[in-house]
């Protein structure tokens, strides 16, 4: 082989190796950052963020981002079967799953539609259990009823977590079943809160934490209502549009938006100070009053000081 041909082959081999090394080098930081992020953002009750990432300076994904897939053919299969039967509810039982029993009342979606929603609710429950790192230990019942049977005007869902746990949602025929599933995921999140913290604690939880955390647990389901990529992004949009002021009183103007803001605040506390302190804060609830938990005792700052600090990150 001539020297010129040998040199040409050597050059081609060298160039090829450089391309391979370059591609490998380009992918390595991304792989490392993904692994580091996964270790930091795991949403377990006994997990705290790394101090190096405790105060993000830009919008971040939800703490445990998962795919939002409500397709009944999803491969996300529950691994736990809870025996027995949930509490009896009014209406016709139309679906019995691995952990939930679903009832359909009159004047709402059809029994077949409610049964199909029950399948999707099982998938949603798997998602939120994994996200919050808590599991039901007893079966729960889900009831789907007409808006005329709601306990209050405008009420779309309610969770009864003291005693035999059951959740109920209220919709008219023809309304969005996807939105109904979102509300159902939020109410099931309340059941997980009761499992994680205890029923007595749940009955006196600060409303900001109660509803903010339930919305956060609902994750991609809840975010689908606004189409926001993350809770911090949603909170920033609301804040910049003028939805600010006393965080405790936001619920008086628009409840859904208040829940969005409260979820962002809860996520901020978990990221900045860690889950153990957020758990302590939840346990310190002294009643349903928004902002009434022992913020100063846990964080050394008042509720107002903490949400003011958070607001500065949204500007």
C-alpha atoms as a PDB file:
ATOM      1  CA  UNK A   1       0.000   0.000   0.000  1.00  0.00           C
ATOM      2  CA  UNK A   2       1.376   3.444  -0.915  1.00  0.00           C
ATOM      3  CA  UNK A   3       2.375   5.914   1.764  1.00  0.00           C
ATOM      4  CA  UNK A   4      -0.266   8.400   0.524  1.00  0.00           C
ATOM      5  CA  UNK A   5      -3.008   5.787   0.782  1.00  0.00           C
ATOM      6  CA  UNK A   6      -1.823   4.772   4.263  1.00  0.00           C
ATOM      7  CA  UNK A   7      -1.873   8.400   5.355  1.00  0.00           C
ATOM      8  CA  UNK A   8      -5.350   8.864   3.955  1.00  0.00           C
ATOM      9  CA  UNK A   9      -6.663   5.781   5.776  1.00  0.00           C
ATOM     10  CA  UNK A  10      -5.029   6.932   9.015  1.00  0.00           C
ATOM     11  CA  UNK A  11      -6.620  10.358   8.613  1.00  0.00           C
ATOM     12  CA  UNK A  12     -10.064   8.828   8.059  1.00  0.00           C
ATOM     13  CA  UNK A  13      -9.679   6.581  11.126  1.00  0.00           C
ATOM     14  CA  UNK A  14      -8.530   9.524  13.267  1.00  0.00           C
ATOM     15  CA  UNK A  15     -11.396  11.703  12.085  1.00  0.00           C
ATOM     16  CA  UNK A  16     -13.875   8.915  12.808  1.00  0.00           C
ATOM     17  CA  UNK A  17     -12.510   8.451  16.327  1.00  0.00           C
ATOM     18  CA  UNK A  18     -12.713  12.170  16.971  1.00  0.00           C
ATOM     19  CA  UNK A  19     -16.367  12.216  15.901  1.00  0.00           C
ATOM     20  CA  UNK A  20     -17.139   9.253  18.162  1.00  0.00           C
ATOM     21  CA  UNK A  21     -15.315  10.856  21.089  1.00  0.00           C
ATOM     22  CA  UNK A  22     -17.051  14.147  20.394  1.00  0.00           C
ATOM     23  CA  UNK A  23     -20.484  12.528  20.382  1.00  0.00           C
ATOM     24  CA  UNK A  24     -19.699  10.585  23.543  1.00  0.00           C
ATOM     25  CA  UNK A  25     -18.395  13.687  25.263  1.00  0.00           C
ATOM     26  CA  UNK A  26     -21.469  15.658  24.259  1.00  0.00           C
ATOM     27  CA  UNK A  27     -23.820  13.100  25.762  1.00  0.00           C
ATOM     28  CA  UNK A  28     -21.961  12.531  29.011  1.00  0.00           C
ATOM     29  CA  UNK A  29     -22.876  15.805  30.808  1.00  0.00           C
ATOM     30  CA  UNK A  30     -26.539  15.330  29.944  1.00  0.00           C
ATOM     31  CA  UNK A  31     -26.471  11.797  31.313  1.00  0.00           C
ATOM     32  CA  UNK A  32     -24.727  12.929  34.466  1.00  0.00           C
ATOM     33  CA  UNK A  33     -27.091  15.853  34.997  1.00  0.00           C
ATOM     34  CA  UNK A  34     -30.127  13.609  34.513  1.00  0.00           C
ATOM     35  CA  UNK A  35     -28.842  11.172  37.103  1.00  0.00           C
ATOM     36  CA  UNK A  36     -28.062  13.982  39.517  1.00  0.00           C
ATOM     37  CA  UNK A  37     -31.464  15.549  38.944  1.00  0.00           C
ATOM     38  CA  UNK A  38     -33.216  12.238  39.482  1.00  0.00           C
ATOM     39  CA  UNK A  39     -31.465  11.809  42.818  1.00  0.00           C
ATOM     40  CA  UNK A  40     -32.420  15.309  43.900  1.00  0.00           C
ATOM     41  CA  UNK A  41     -36.005  15.495  42.750  1.00  0.00           C
ATOM     42  CA  UNK A  42     -37.328  12.176  44.011  1.00  0.00           C
ATOM     43  CA  UNK A  43     -40.598  13.052  45.710  1.00  0.00           C
ATOM     44  CA  UNK A  44     -40.471  10.715  48.695  1.00  0.00           C
ATOM     45  CA  UNK A  45     -41.812  11.625  52.084  1.00  0.00           C
ATOM     46  CA  UNK A  46     -38.424  10.908  53.617  1.00  0.00           C
ATOM     47  CA  UNK A  47     -36.336  12.519  50.881  1.00  0.00           C
ATOM     48  CA  UNK A  48     -34.736  15.980  50.896  1.00  0.00           C
ATOM     49  CA  UNK A  49     -33.182  17.920  48.027  1.00  0.00           C
ATOM     50  CA  UNK A  50     -29.419  18.322  47.773  1.00  0.00           C
ATOM     51  CA  UNK A  51     -28.226  21.690  49.178  1.00  0.00           C
ATOM     52  CA  UNK A  52     -26.533  22.338  45.826  1.00  0.00           C
ATOM     53  CA  UNK A  53     -29.900  22.512  44.107  1.00  0.00           C
ATOM     54  CA  UNK A  54     -32.022  23.712  46.993  1.00  0.00           C
ATOM     55  CA  UNK A  55     -32.782  27.144  45.529  1.00  0.00           C
ATOM     56  CA  UNK A  56     -33.425  26.912  41.790  1.00  0.00           C
ATOM     57  CA  UNK A  57     -33.110  30.233  39.993  1.00  0.00           C
ATOM     58  CA  UNK A  58     -35.290  29.314  37.021  1.00  0.00           C
ATOM     59  CA  UNK A  59     -38.552  27.412  36.463  1.00  0.00           C
ATOM     60  CA  UNK A  60     -38.063  23.725  37.126  1.00  0.00           C
ATOM     61  CA  UNK A  61     -40.098  20.619  36.302  1.00  0.00           C
ATOM     62  CA  UNK A  62     -42.290  19.035  38.915  1.00  0.00           C
ATOM     63  CA  UNK A  63     -40.299  17.150  41.518  1.00  0.00           C
ATOM     64  CA  UNK A  64     -41.018  13.738  40.024  1.00  0.00           C
ATOM     65  CA  UNK A  65     -42.029  14.285  36.435  1.00  0.00           C
ATOM     66  CA  UNK A  66     -43.899  11.360  34.911  1.00  0.00           C
ATOM     67  CA  UNK A  67     -45.808  10.862  31.671  1.00  0.00           C
ATOM     68  CA  UNK A  68     -49.439  11.994  31.711  1.00  0.00           C
ATOM     69  CA  UNK A  69     -51.143   9.032  30.094  1.00  0.00           C
ATOM     70  CA  UNK A  70     -54.764   8.214  30.792  1.00  0.00           C
ATOM     71  CA  UNK A  71     -55.046   5.640  28.026  1.00  0.00           C
ATOM     72  CA  UNK A  72     -56.634   2.476  29.430  1.00  0.00           C
ATOM     73  CA  UNK A  73     -54.112   0.465  27.398  1.00  0.00           C
ATOM     74  CA  UNK A  74     -51.222   1.944  29.340  1.00  0.00           C
ATOM     75  CA  UNK A  75     -48.644  -0.563  30.572  1.00  0.00           C
ATOM     76  CA  UNK A  76     -48.599   1.077  34.012  1.00  0.00           C
ATOM     77  CA  UNK A  77     -50.044  -1.842  35.974  1.00  0.00           C
ATOM     78  CA  UNK A  78     -50.730  -1.599  39.730  1.00  0.00           C
ATOM     79  CA  UNK A  79     -48.683  -4.104  41.691  1.00  0.00           C
ATOM     80  CA  UNK A  80     -50.773  -4.053  44.859  1.00  0.00           C
ATOM     81  CA  UNK A  81     -54.223  -5.557  45.251  1.00  0.00           C
ATOM     82  CA  UNK A  82     -56.205  -4.458  48.285  1.00  0.00           C
ATOM     83  CA  UNK A  83     -58.738  -7.093  49.380  1.00  0.00           C
ATOM     84  CA  UNK A  84     -62.231  -6.469  50.628  1.00  0.00           C
ATOM     85  CA  UNK A  85     -64.569  -3.733  49.561  1.00  0.00           C
ATOM     86  CA  UNK A  86     -64.654   0.015  50.008  1.00  0.00           C
ATOM     87  CA  UNK A  87     -67.511   1.724  51.851  1.00  0.00           C
ATOM     88  CA  UNK A  88     -70.909   1.455  50.202  1.00  0.00           C
ATOM     89  CA  UNK A  89     -71.970   4.598  48.359  1.00  0.00           C
ATOM     90  CA  UNK A  90     -75.265   5.665  46.761  1.00  0.00           C
ATOM     91  CA  UNK A  91     -75.810   4.578  43.176  1.00  0.00           C
ATOM     92  CA  UNK A  92     -74.767   1.577  41.120  1.00  0.00           C
ATOM     93  CA  UNK A  93     -71.359  -0.033  41.506  1.00  0.00           C
ATOM     94  CA  UNK A  94     -70.015  -0.098  37.961  1.00  0.00           C
ATOM     95  CA  UNK A  95     -66.339  -0.929  38.423  1.00  0.00           C
ATOM     96  CA  UNK A  96     -64.196  -2.864  40.881  1.00  0.00           C
ATOM     97  CA  UNK A  97     -60.473  -2.374  40.487  1.00  0.00           C
ATOM     98  CA  UNK A  98     -57.415  -3.411  42.408  1.00  0.00           C
ATOM     99  CA  UNK A  99     -57.794  -0.644  44.965  1.00  0.00           C
ATOM    100  CA  UNK A 100     -60.974   1.274  44.227  1.00  0.00           C
ATOM    101  CA  UNK A 101     -64.697   0.578  43.863  1.00  0.00           C
ATOM    102  CA  UNK A 102     -66.579   3.003  41.632  1.00  0.00           C
ATOM    103  CA  UNK A 103     -70.241   4.012  41.847  1.00  0.00           C
ATOM    104  CA  UNK A 104     -72.368   5.925  39.341  1.00  0.00           C
ATOM    105  CA  UNK A 105     -75.299   8.053  40.426  1.00  0.00           C
ATOM    106  CA  UNK A 106     -78.148   9.534  38.370  1.00  0.00           C
ATOM    107  CA  UNK A 107     -77.845  12.647  36.233  1.00  0.00           C
ATOM    108  CA  UNK A 108     -74.139  12.337  35.555  1.00  0.00           C
ATOM    109  CA  UNK A 109     -72.040  10.410  33.041  1.00  0.00           C
ATOM    110  CA  UNK A 110     -73.451   7.090  31.884  1.00  0.00           C
ATOM    111  CA  UNK A 111     -72.595   3.931  33.863  1.00  0.00           C
ATOM    112  CA  UNK A 112     -70.338   2.767  31.019  1.00  0.00           C
ATOM    113  CA  UNK A 113     -68.524   6.120  30.987  1.00  0.00           C
ATOM    114  CA  UNK A 114     -68.070   6.013  34.750  1.00  0.00           C
ATOM    115  CA  UNK A 115     -66.743   2.450  34.555  1.00  0.00           C
ATOM    116  CA  UNK A 116     -64.223   3.550  31.904  1.00  0.00           C
ATOM    117  CA  UNK A 117     -63.222   6.412  34.181  1.00  0.00           C
ATOM    118  CA  UNK A 118     -62.665   3.865  36.948  1.00  0.00           C
ATOM    119  CA  UNK A 119     -60.037   2.121  34.816  1.00  0.00           C
ATOM    120  CA  UNK A 120     -58.287   5.443  34.236  1.00  0.00           C
ATOM    121  CA  UNK A 121     -58.593   6.295  37.927  1.00  0.00           C
ATOM    122  CA  UNK A 122     -56.627   3.145  38.790  1.00  0.00           C
ATOM    123  CA  UNK A 123     -53.860   4.351  36.482  1.00  0.00           C
ATOM    124  CA  UNK A 124     -54.016   7.815  38.014  1.00  0.00           C
ATOM    125  CA  UNK A 125     -53.757   6.290  41.483  1.00  0.00           C
ATOM    126  CA  UNK A 126     -50.643   4.359  40.465  1.00  0.00           C
ATOM    127  CA  UNK A 127     -49.133   7.592  39.184  1.00  0.00           C
ATOM    128  CA  UNK A 128     -49.833   9.698  42.274  1.00  0.00           C
ATOM    129  CA  UNK A 129     -48.762   6.929  44.681  1.00  0.00           C
ATOM    130  CA  UNK A 130     -45.412   6.699  42.925  1.00  0.00           C
ATOM    131  CA  UNK A 131     -45.104  10.482  42.775  1.00  0.00           C
ATOM    132  CA  UNK A 132     -45.827  10.996  46.482  1.00  0.00           C
ATOM    133  CA  UNK A 133     -44.180   7.762  47.629  1.00  0.00           C
ATOM    134  CA  UNK A 134     -47.218   6.740  49.668  1.00  0.00           C
ATOM    135  CA  UNK A 135     -49.730   3.944  49.168  1.00  0.00           C
ATOM    136  CA  UNK A 136     -53.263   3.203  50.209  1.00  0.00           C
ATOM    137  CA  UNK A 137     -53.570   0.431  52.769  1.00  0.00           C
ATOM    138  CA  UNK A 138     -57.344   0.026  52.476  1.00  0.00           C
ATOM    139  CA  UNK A 139     -59.703   0.123  49.516  1.00  0.00           C
ATOM    140  CA  UNK A 140     -61.510   3.359  48.836  1.00  0.00           C
ATOM    141  CA  UNK A 141     -64.788   4.027  47.073  1.00  0.00           C
ATOM    142  CA  UNK A 142     -65.298   6.608  44.357  1.00  0.00           C
ATOM    143  CA  UNK A 143     -68.692   8.099  43.575  1.00  0.00           C
ATOM    144  CA  UNK A 144     -69.610  10.070  40.453  1.00  0.00           C
ATOM    145  CA  UNK A 145     -72.771  12.140  40.868  1.00  0.00           C
ATOM    146  CA  UNK A 146     -74.789  14.985  39.420  1.00  0.00           C
ATOM    147  CA  UNK A 147     -73.825  18.562  40.261  1.00  0.00           C
ATOM    148  CA  UNK A 148     -77.235  18.895  41.904  1.00  0.00           C
ATOM    149  CA  UNK A 149     -76.007  16.545  44.643  1.00  0.00           C
ATOM    150  CA  UNK A 150     -72.839  18.513  45.422  1.00  0.00           C
ATOM    151  CA  UNK A 151     -72.546  19.609  49.059  1.00  0.00           C
ATOM    152  CA  UNK A 152     -71.885  23.203  48.008  1.00  0.00           C
ATOM    153  CA  UNK A 153     -72.428  25.396  44.994  1.00  0.00           C
ATOM    154  CA  UNK A 154     -69.598  24.963  42.529  1.00  0.00           C
ATOM    155  CA  UNK A 155     -68.157  21.955  44.363  1.00  0.00           C
ATOM    156  CA  UNK A 156     -66.655  19.511  41.895  1.00  0.00           C
ATOM    157  CA  UNK A 157     -65.055  17.063  44.277  1.00  0.00           C
ATOM    158  CA  UNK A 158     -64.728  16.174  47.922  1.00  0.00           C
ATOM    159  CA  UNK A 159     -62.730  13.605  49.868  1.00  0.00           C
ATOM    160  CA  UNK A 160     -63.964  12.073  53.102  1.00  0.00           C
ATOM    161  CA  UNK A 161     -60.826  10.868  54.844  1.00  0.00           C
ATOM    162  CA  UNK A 162     -61.952  10.560  58.440  1.00  0.00           C
ATOM    163  CA  UNK A 163     -63.403   7.088  58.888  1.00  0.00           C
ATOM    164  CA  UNK A 164     -64.164   5.000  55.806  1.00  0.00           C
ATOM    165  CA  UNK A 165     -62.331   6.848  53.057  1.00  0.00           C
ATOM    166  CA  UNK A 166     -64.342   7.734  49.978  1.00  0.00           C
ATOM    167  CA  UNK A 167     -64.152  10.442  47.345  1.00  0.00           C
ATOM    168  CA  UNK A 168     -66.914  11.932  45.243  1.00  0.00           C
ATOM    169  CA  UNK A 169     -67.006  14.112  42.146  1.00  0.00           C
ATOM    170  CA  UNK A 170     -69.924  16.013  40.647  1.00  0.00           C
ATOM    171  CA  UNK A 171     -70.487  16.401  36.895  1.00  0.00           C
ATOM    172  CA  UNK A 172     -73.312  16.713  34.380  1.00  0.00           C
ATOM    173  CA  UNK A 173     -73.710  14.515  31.291  1.00  0.00           C
ATOM    174  CA  UNK A 174     -71.668  15.830  28.379  1.00  0.00           C
ATOM    175  CA  UNK A 175     -69.112  17.672  30.504  1.00  0.00           C
ATOM    176  CA  UNK A 176     -65.392  16.997  30.164  1.00  0.00           C
ATOM    177  CA  UNK A 177     -64.556  13.547  31.468  1.00  0.00           C
ATOM    178  CA  UNK A 178     -60.876  14.457  31.294  1.00  0.00           C
ATOM    179  CA  UNK A 179     -61.419  17.351  33.707  1.00  0.00           C
ATOM    180  CA  UNK A 180     -63.456  15.050  35.918  1.00  0.00           C
ATOM    181  CA  UNK A 181     -60.525  12.648  36.058  1.00  0.00           C
ATOM    182  CA  UNK A 182     -58.214  15.511  37.039  1.00  0.00           C
ATOM    183  CA  UNK A 183     -60.485  16.455  39.939  1.00  0.00           C
ATOM    184  CA  UNK A 184     -60.735  12.795  40.904  1.00  0.00           C
ATOM    185  CA  UNK A 185     -56.928  12.513  40.990  1.00  0.00           C
ATOM    186  CA  UNK A 186     -56.834  15.544  43.301  1.00  0.00           C
ATOM    187  CA  UNK A 187     -59.377  14.009  45.663  1.00  0.00           C
ATOM    188  CA  UNK A 188     -57.543  10.671  45.705  1.00  0.00           C
ATOM    189  CA  UNK A 189     -54.410  12.648  46.591  1.00  0.00           C
ATOM    190  CA  UNK A 190     -56.212  13.747  49.766  1.00  0.00           C
ATOM    191  CA  UNK A 191     -56.664  10.061  50.611  1.00  0.00           C
ATOM    192  CA  UNK A 192     -52.906   9.573  50.209  1.00  0.00           C
ATOM    193  CA  UNK A 193     -52.243  12.539  52.486  1.00  0.00           C
ATOM    194  CA  UNK A 194     -54.373  10.902  55.160  1.00  0.00           C
ATOM    195  CA  UNK A 195     -52.379   7.671  54.725  1.00  0.00           C
ATOM    196  CA  UNK A 196     -49.039   9.471  54.922  1.00  0.00           C
ATOM    197  CA  UNK A 197     -49.718  11.856  57.803  1.00  0.00           C
ATOM    198  CA  UNK A 198     -52.641  10.279  59.655  1.00  0.00           C
ATOM    199  CA  UNK A 199     -56.340  11.044  59.670  1.00  0.00           C
ATOM    200  CA  UNK A 200     -56.193  13.336  62.706  1.00  0.00           C
ATOM    201  CA  UNK A 201     -53.465  15.444  61.087  1.00  0.00           C
ATOM    202  CA  UNK A 202     -55.425  15.549  57.829  1.00  0.00           C
ATOM    203  CA  UNK A 203     -58.506  16.836  59.631  1.00  0.00           C
ATOM    204  CA  UNK A 204     -56.636  19.929  60.894  1.00  0.00           C
ATOM    205  CA  UNK A 205     -54.199  20.588  58.057  1.00  0.00           C
ATOM    206  CA  UNK A 206     -53.532  24.174  56.979  1.00  0.00           C
ATOM    207  CA  UNK A 207     -55.607  24.739  53.807  1.00  0.00           C
ATOM    208  CA  UNK A 208     -52.628  26.128  51.858  1.00  0.00           C
ATOM    209  CA  UNK A 209     -50.738  22.898  52.532  1.00  0.00           C
ATOM    210  CA  UNK A 210     -53.790  20.640  52.272  1.00  0.00           C
ATOM    211  CA  UNK A 211     -54.879  21.824  48.834  1.00  0.00           C
ATOM    212  CA  UNK A 212     -51.490  22.899  47.534  1.00  0.00           C
ATOM    213  CA  UNK A 213     -49.923  19.530  48.250  1.00  0.00           C
ATOM    214  CA  UNK A 214     -52.911  17.613  46.841  1.00  0.00           C
ATOM    215  CA  UNK A 215     -52.636  19.602  43.606  1.00  0.00           C
ATOM    216  CA  UNK A 216     -48.897  18.961  43.529  1.00  0.00           C
ATOM    217  CA  UNK A 217     -49.436  15.217  44.088  1.00  0.00           C
ATOM    218  CA  UNK A 218     -51.871  15.220  41.152  1.00  0.00           C
ATOM    219  CA  UNK A 219     -48.919  16.438  39.090  1.00  0.00           C
ATOM    220  CA  UNK A 220     -49.345  16.156  35.331  1.00  0.00           C
ATOM    221  CA  UNK A 221     -53.076  15.667  35.736  1.00  0.00           C
ATOM    222  CA  UNK A 222     -53.508  18.991  37.520  1.00  0.00           C
ATOM    223  CA  UNK A 223     -51.077  20.813  35.223  1.00  0.00           C
ATOM    224  CA  UNK A 224     -53.117  19.669  32.223  1.00  0.00           C
ATOM    225  CA  UNK A 225     -55.882  22.087  33.273  1.00  0.00           C
ATOM    226  CA  UNK A 226     -53.653  25.060  32.508  1.00  0.00           C
ATOM    227  CA  UNK A 227     -51.270  23.444  30.033  1.00  0.00           C
ATOM    228  CA  UNK A 228     -48.316  24.701  32.076  1.00  0.00           C
ATOM    229  CA  UNK A 229     -45.031  22.750  31.923  1.00  0.00           C
ATOM    230  CA  UNK A 230     -44.417  23.031  35.677  1.00  0.00           C
ATOM    231  CA  UNK A 231     -45.944  24.402  38.842  1.00  0.00           C
ATOM    232  CA  UNK A 232     -43.339  27.147  39.070  1.00  0.00           C
ATOM    233  CA  UNK A 233     -44.007  28.194  35.482  1.00  0.00           C
ATOM    234  CA  UNK A 234     -47.735  28.318  36.187  1.00  0.00           C
ATOM    235  CA  UNK A 235     -47.187  30.297  39.399  1.00  0.00           C
ATOM    236  CA  UNK A 236     -44.902  32.754  37.580  1.00  0.00           C
ATOM    237  CA  UNK A 237     -47.528  33.370  34.886  1.00  0.00           C
ATOM    238  CA  UNK A 238     -50.200  33.998  37.501  1.00  0.00           C
ATOM    239  CA  UNK A 239     -47.944  36.219  39.594  1.00  0.00           C
ATOM    240  CA  UNK A 240     -46.885  38.358  36.636  1.00  0.00           C
ATOM    241  CA  UNK A 241     -50.527  38.741  35.609  1.00  0.00           C
ATOM    242  CA  UNK A 242     -51.263  40.302  39.012  1.00  0.00           C
ATOM    243  CA  UNK A 243     -52.457  37.245  40.923  1.00  0.00           C
ATOM    244  CA  UNK A 244     -50.402  37.956  44.036  1.00  0.00           C
ATOM    245  CA  UNK A 245     -50.721  39.594  47.435  1.00  0.00           C
ATOM    246  CA  UNK A 246     -51.609  37.682  50.591  1.00  0.00           C
ATOM    247  CA  UNK A 247     -51.169  34.035  49.630  1.00  0.00           C
ATOM    248  CA  UNK A 248     -53.651  32.964  52.299  1.00  0.00           C
ATOM    249  CA  UNK A 249     -56.522  34.975  50.829  1.00  0.00           C
ATOM    250  CA  UNK A 250     -56.097  34.069  47.157  1.00  0.00           C
ATOM    251  CA  UNK A 251     -58.797  31.424  47.419  1.00  0.00           C
ATOM    252  CA  UNK A 252     -61.446  34.102  47.668  1.00  0.00           C
ATOM    253  CA  UNK A 253     -60.923  35.283  44.097  1.00  0.00           C
ATOM    254  CA  UNK A 254     -60.373  32.154  42.016  1.00  0.00           C
ATOM    255  CA  UNK A 255     -60.064  28.812  43.750  1.00  0.00           C
ATOM    256  CA  UNK A 256     -58.418  26.919  40.890  1.00  0.00           C
ATOM    257  CA  UNK A 257     -55.760  29.621  40.502  1.00  0.00           C
ATOM    258  CA  UNK A 258     -55.259  29.671  44.265  1.00  0.00           C
ATOM    259  CA  UNK A 259     -54.634  25.924  44.194  1.00  0.00           C
ATOM    260  CA  UNK A 260     -52.075  26.487  41.413  1.00  0.00           C
ATOM    261  CA  UNK A 261     -50.263  29.097  43.501  1.00  0.00           C
ATOM    262  CA  UNK A 262     -50.412  27.000  46.650  1.00  0.00           C
ATOM    263  CA  UNK A 263     -48.977  24.012  44.781  1.00  0.00           C
ATOM    264  CA  UNK A 264     -46.110  26.205  43.585  1.00  0.00           C
ATOM    265  CA  UNK A 265     -45.483  27.418  47.130  1.00  0.00           C
ATOM    266  CA  UNK A 266     -45.471  23.874  48.521  1.00  0.00           C
ATOM    267  CA  UNK A 267     -43.000  22.814  45.842  1.00  0.00           C
ATOM    268  CA  UNK A 268     -40.812  25.834  46.661  1.00  0.00           C
ATOM    269  CA  UNK A 269     -40.726  24.863  50.342  1.00  0.00           C
ATOM    270  CA  UNK A 270     -39.862  21.242  49.507  1.00  0.00           C
ATOM    271  CA  UNK A 271     -37.082  22.245  47.117  1.00  0.00           C
ATOM    272  CA  UNK A 272     -35.612  24.977  49.269  1.00  0.00           C
ATOM    273  CA  UNK A 273     -35.821  23.433  52.734  1.00  0.00           C
ATOM    274  CA  UNK A 274     -36.362  19.731  52.077  1.00  0.00           C
ATOM    275  CA  UNK A 275     -39.201  17.273  52.506  1.00  0.00           C
ATOM    276  CA  UNK A 276     -38.543  16.466  56.183  1.00  0.00           C
ATOM    277  CA  UNK A 277     -39.301  20.057  57.185  1.00  0.00           C
ATOM    278  CA  UNK A 278     -42.340  20.192  54.928  1.00  0.00           C
ATOM    279  CA  UNK A 279     -43.595  17.018  56.592  1.00  0.00           C
ATOM    280  CA  UNK A 280     -43.090  18.626  60.008  1.00  0.00           C
ATOM    281  CA  UNK A 281     -44.958  21.694  58.819  1.00  0.00           C
ATOM    282  CA  UNK A 282     -47.893  19.600  57.625  1.00  0.00           C
ATOM    283  CA  UNK A 283     -47.989  17.790  60.960  1.00  0.00           C
ATOM    284  CA  UNK A 284     -48.092  21.150  62.782  1.00  0.00           C
ATOM    285  CA  UNK A 285     -51.498  22.063  61.352  1.00  0.00           C
ATOM    286  CA  UNK A 286     -53.750  23.724  63.896  1.00  0.00           C
ATOM    287  CA  UNK A 287     -56.886  24.084  61.814  1.00  0.00           C
ATOM    288  CA  UNK A 288     -58.060  24.791  58.295  1.00  0.00           C
ATOM    289  CA  UNK A 289     -57.004  28.458  58.414  1.00  0.00           C
ATOM    290  CA  UNK A 290     -54.761  29.223  55.401  1.00  0.00           C
ATOM    291  CA  UNK A 291     -51.252  29.935  56.617  1.00  0.00           C
ATOM    292  CA  UNK A 292     -52.023  28.766  60.174  1.00  0.00           C
ATOM    293  CA  UNK A 293     -49.410  25.992  60.440  1.00  0.00           C
ATOM    294  CA  UNK A 294     -46.276  26.614  62.513  1.00  0.00           C
ATOM    295  CA  UNK A 295     -44.152  28.143  59.741  1.00  0.00           C
ATOM    296  CA  UNK A 296     -41.964  30.147  62.106  1.00  0.00           C
ATOM    297  CA  UNK A 297     -41.381  27.220  64.410  1.00  0.00           C
ATOM    298  CA  UNK A 298     -40.308  24.971  61.518  1.00  0.00           C
ATOM    299  CA  UNK A 299     -38.497  27.419  59.237  1.00  0.00           C
ATOM    300  CA  UNK A 300     -37.649  30.354  61.509  1.00  0.00           C
ATOM    301  CA  UNK A 301     -39.714  32.609  59.227  1.00  0.00           C
ATOM    302  CA  UNK A 302     -43.345  33.634  59.200  1.00  0.00           C
ATOM    303  CA  UNK A 303     -45.773  32.485  56.529  1.00  0.00           C
ATOM    304  CA  UNK A 304     -45.675  35.970  54.985  1.00  0.00           C
ATOM    305  CA  UNK A 305     -41.873  36.070  54.958  1.00  0.00           C
ATOM    306  CA  UNK A 306     -41.729  32.677  53.260  1.00  0.00           C
ATOM    307  CA  UNK A 307     -44.202  33.436  50.491  1.00  0.00           C
ATOM    308  CA  UNK A 308     -42.577  36.843  49.968  1.00  0.00           C
ATOM    309  CA  UNK A 309     -39.242  35.065  49.489  1.00  0.00           C
ATOM    310  CA  UNK A 310     -40.927  32.751  47.003  1.00  0.00           C
ATOM    311  CA  UNK A 311     -42.517  35.658  45.127  1.00  0.00           C
ATOM    312  CA  UNK A 312     -39.052  37.122  44.510  1.00  0.00           C
ATOM    313  CA  UNK A 313     -38.155  33.967  42.577  1.00  0.00           C
ATOM    314  CA  UNK A 314     -41.157  34.462  40.291  1.00  0.00           C
ATOM    315  CA  UNK A 315     -40.293  37.996  39.158  1.00  0.00           C
END
